[in-house]
C-alpha atoms as a PDB file:
ATOM      1  CA  MET A   1     -26.309  25.350  -1.422  1.00  0.00           C
ATOM      2  CA  ASN A   2     -27.213  25.094   2.264  1.00  0.00           C
ATOM      3  CA  THR A   3     -27.545  21.728   3.938  1.00  0.00           C
ATOM      4  CA  ARG A   4     -31.049  20.513   4.703  1.00  0.00           C
ATOM      5  CA  GLU A   5     -32.350  20.554   8.219  1.00  0.00           C
ATOM      6  CA  ASN A   6     -34.205  17.262   7.907  1.00  0.00           C
ATOM      7  CA  LEU A   7     -31.385  14.839   7.193  1.00  0.00           C
ATOM      8  CA  PRO A   8     -30.744  12.014   6.392  1.00  0.00           C
ATOM      9  CA  LEU A   9     -31.408  12.026   2.701  1.00  0.00           C
ATOM     10  CA  ASN A  10     -32.493   8.983   0.726  1.00  0.00           C
ATOM     11  CA  GLY A  11     -30.211   7.692  -2.026  1.00  0.00           C
ATOM     12  CA  ASP A  12     -31.682   9.791  -4.855  1.00  0.00           C
ATOM     13  CA  GLU A  13     -31.817  12.959  -2.755  1.00  0.00           C
ATOM     14  CA  LEU A  14     -28.209  12.441  -1.689  1.00  0.00           C
ATOM     15  CA  GLU A  15     -27.093  12.045  -5.282  1.00  0.00           C
ATOM     16  CA  VAL A  16     -28.793  15.297  -6.309  1.00  0.00           C
ATOM     17  CA  TYR A  17     -27.456  17.112  -3.234  1.00  0.00           C
ATOM     18  CA  GLU A  18     -23.865  15.976  -3.849  1.00  0.00           C
ATOM     19  CA  ALA A  19     -24.054  16.863  -7.548  1.00  0.00           C
ATOM     20  CA  ASN A  20     -25.100  20.429  -6.713  1.00  0.00           C
ATOM     21  CA  ARG A  21     -22.747  21.129  -3.780  1.00  0.00           C
ATOM     22  CA  ASP A  22     -20.233  23.948  -3.990  1.00  0.00           C
ATOM     23  CA  LEU A  23     -17.480  22.532  -1.774  1.00  0.00           C
ATOM     24  CA  PHE A  24     -15.276  25.587  -2.187  1.00  0.00           C
ATOM     25  CA  ALA A  25     -18.063  27.872  -0.959  1.00  0.00           C
ATOM     26  CA  GLU A  26     -18.752  25.540   1.993  1.00  0.00           C
ATOM     27  CA  LEU A  27     -15.072  25.473   2.974  1.00  0.00           C
ATOM     28  CA  LEU A  28     -14.778  29.246   2.595  1.00  0.00           C
ATOM     29  CA  GLN A  29     -17.868  29.756   4.760  1.00  0.00           C
ATOM     30  CA  GLY A  30     -16.454  27.365   7.356  1.00  0.00           C
ATOM     31  CA  ALA A  31     -13.149  29.254   7.454  1.00  0.00           C
ATOM     32  CA  GLU A  32     -14.991  32.569   7.824  1.00  0.00           C
ATOM     33  CA  ASP A  33     -17.099  31.135  10.654  1.00  0.00           C
ATOM     34  CA  ILE A  34     -13.991  29.925  12.483  1.00  0.00           C
ATOM     35  CA  GLN A  35     -12.270  33.259  12.012  1.00  0.00           C
ATOM     36  CA  ALA A  36     -15.359  35.017  13.381  1.00  0.00           C
ATOM     37  CA  GLY A  37     -15.297  32.775  16.453  1.00  0.00           C
ATOM     38  CA  LEU A  38     -18.420  30.876  15.475  1.00  0.00           C
ATOM     39  CA  GLY A  39     -16.778  27.450  15.554  1.00  0.00           C
ATOM     40  CA  ARG A  40     -16.977  25.212  18.573  1.00  0.00           C
ATOM     41  CA  VAL A  41     -15.022  22.282  19.883  1.00  0.00           C
ATOM     42  CA  VAL A  42     -17.089  19.256  20.826  1.00  0.00           C
ATOM     43  CA  TYR A  43     -15.540  17.039  23.457  1.00  0.00           C
ATOM     44  CA  SER A  44     -16.661  13.554  24.212  1.00  0.00           C
ATOM     45  CA  PRO A  45     -17.775  13.046  27.820  1.00  0.00           C
ATOM     46  CA  LEU A  46     -14.638  10.966  28.320  1.00  0.00           C
ATOM     47  CA  ILE A  47     -12.281  13.783  27.317  1.00  0.00           C
ATOM     48  CA  ALA A  48     -14.292  16.287  29.351  1.00  0.00           C
ATOM     49  CA  ALA A  49     -14.077  14.014  32.412  1.00  0.00           C
ATOM     50  CA  ARG A  50     -10.320  13.563  32.010  1.00  0.00           C
ATOM     51  CA  GLU A  51      -9.786  17.293  31.715  1.00  0.00           C
ATOM     52  CA  LYS A  52     -12.088  17.974  34.667  1.00  0.00           C
ATOM     53  CA  THR A  53      -9.995  15.755  36.942  1.00  0.00           C
ATOM     54  CA  GLY A  54      -6.759  17.474  35.989  1.00  0.00           C
ATOM     55  CA  LEU A  55      -5.120  14.061  35.813  1.00  0.00           C
ATOM     56  CA  SER A  56      -2.512  13.163  33.226  1.00  0.00           C
ATOM     57  CA  TYR A  57      -3.445  10.748  30.478  1.00  0.00           C
ATOM     58  CA  GLU A  58      -1.668   7.920  32.313  1.00  0.00           C
ATOM     59  CA  GLU A  59      -3.245   8.786  35.688  1.00  0.00           C
ATOM     60  CA  PHE A  60      -6.723   8.905  34.201  1.00  0.00           C
ATOM     61  CA  ALA A  61      -6.232   5.512  32.536  1.00  0.00           C
ATOM     62  CA  ARG A  62      -5.097   4.135  35.901  1.00  0.00           C
ATOM     63  CA  LEU A  63      -8.192   5.614  37.575  1.00  0.00           C
ATOM     64  CA  LEU A  64     -10.374   3.746  35.075  1.00  0.00           C
ATOM     65  CA  GLY A  65      -8.297   0.584  35.428  1.00  0.00           C
ATOM     66  CA  ILE A  66      -7.364   0.494  31.747  1.00  0.00           C
ATOM     67  CA  SER A  67      -4.284   0.926  29.593  1.00  0.00           C
ATOM     68  CA  THR A  68      -3.468   4.203  27.872  1.00  0.00           C
ATOM     69  CA  LEU A  69      -4.049   2.417  24.536  1.00  0.00           C
ATOM     70  CA  THR A  70      -7.592   1.540  25.600  1.00  0.00           C
ATOM     71  CA  LEU A  71      -8.172   5.128  26.762  1.00  0.00           C
ATOM     72  CA  GLU A  72      -6.992   6.368  23.374  1.00  0.00           C
ATOM     73  CA  SER A  73      -9.351   3.963  21.580  1.00  0.00           C
ATOM     74  CA  TRP A  74     -12.250   5.166  23.708  1.00  0.00           C
ATOM     75  CA  GLU A  75     -11.428   8.845  23.209  1.00  0.00           C
ATOM     76  CA  GLN A  76     -11.120   8.390  19.457  1.00  0.00           C
ATOM     77  CA  ARG A  77     -14.347   6.383  19.477  1.00  0.00           C
ATOM     78  CA  ARG A  78     -12.796   3.306  17.902  1.00  0.00           C
ATOM     79  CA  GLU A  79     -14.155   1.354  20.879  1.00  0.00           C
ATOM     80  CA  GLN A  80     -16.845   2.056  23.476  1.00  0.00           C
ATOM     81  CA  PRO A  81     -16.132   2.299  27.219  1.00  0.00           C
ATOM     82  CA  THR A  82     -17.441  -0.501  29.378  1.00  0.00           C
ATOM     83  CA  LYS A  83     -20.673   0.069  31.273  1.00  0.00           C
ATOM     84  CA  GLU A  84     -18.714   0.413  34.522  1.00  0.00           C
ATOM     85  CA  ALA A  85     -16.328   2.954  33.007  1.00  0.00           C
ATOM     86  CA  SER A  86     -19.239   4.917  31.527  1.00  0.00           C
ATOM     87  CA  THR A  87     -20.825   5.097  34.991  1.00  0.00           C
ATOM     88  CA  LEU A  88     -17.568   6.340  36.515  1.00  0.00           C
ATOM     89  CA  ILE A  89     -17.139   8.916  33.730  1.00  0.00           C
ATOM     90  CA  ALA A  90     -20.663  10.243  34.350  1.00  0.00           C
ATOM     91  CA  LYS A  91     -19.910  10.409  38.092  1.00  0.00           C
ATOM     92  CA  ILE A  92     -16.690  12.343  37.437  1.00  0.00           C
ATOM     93  CA  LEU A  93     -18.589  14.842  35.301  1.00  0.00           C
ATOM     94  CA  SER A  94     -21.312  15.385  37.882  1.00  0.00           C
ATOM     95  CA  CYS A  95     -19.283  15.200  41.127  1.00  0.00           C
ATOM     96  CA  PRO A  96     -15.522  15.205  40.422  1.00  0.00           C
ATOM     97  CA  ASP A  97     -14.653  15.705  44.120  1.00  0.00           C
ATOM     98  CA  SER A  98     -16.291  12.400  45.027  1.00  0.00           C
ATOM     99  CA  ILE A  99     -13.845  10.332  42.972  1.00  0.00           C
ATOM    100  CA  PRO A 100     -10.800   8.960  44.810  1.00  0.00           C
ATOM    101  CA  MET A 101      -7.747   9.923  42.801  1.00  0.00           C
ATOM    102  CA  PRO A 102      -5.139   7.233  42.101  1.00  0.00           C
ATOM    103  CA  GLN A 103      -1.846   7.216  43.921  1.00  0.00           C
ATOM    104  CA  PRO A 104       1.323   7.323  41.752  1.00  0.00           C
END
C-alpha cells in the first residue's frame, strides 16, 4: 500500500492504514531505492553550516559561543538554537566568507 499524499490522517484513517500496511514490502522498496541511488541525506541547516565552514566540531561550537554538548543537542534536534545562533547559522550558509573564524 502506498502512503497517502494528503497526510496527516485522522485516528480512524490511521488505524485502517496501519492495519493494511505491508512493512516488509515498504522496507524492501526502501532498500531498492537506496541501492538505485534514489535516497537522499537531509541535513539540518546547522550541520550544513558547520560543514560549509570546514571547522571541527569544537571550533564550530566555539564560533557559536556554546559547548559541544549544546551543539550536539541542537544538531540532534533535542533543543533549538537560540535566535542569535540561528541568525549566525543563516549568515554562514549565505555568506560563509563574512564570518570571522575563531582562533585556537
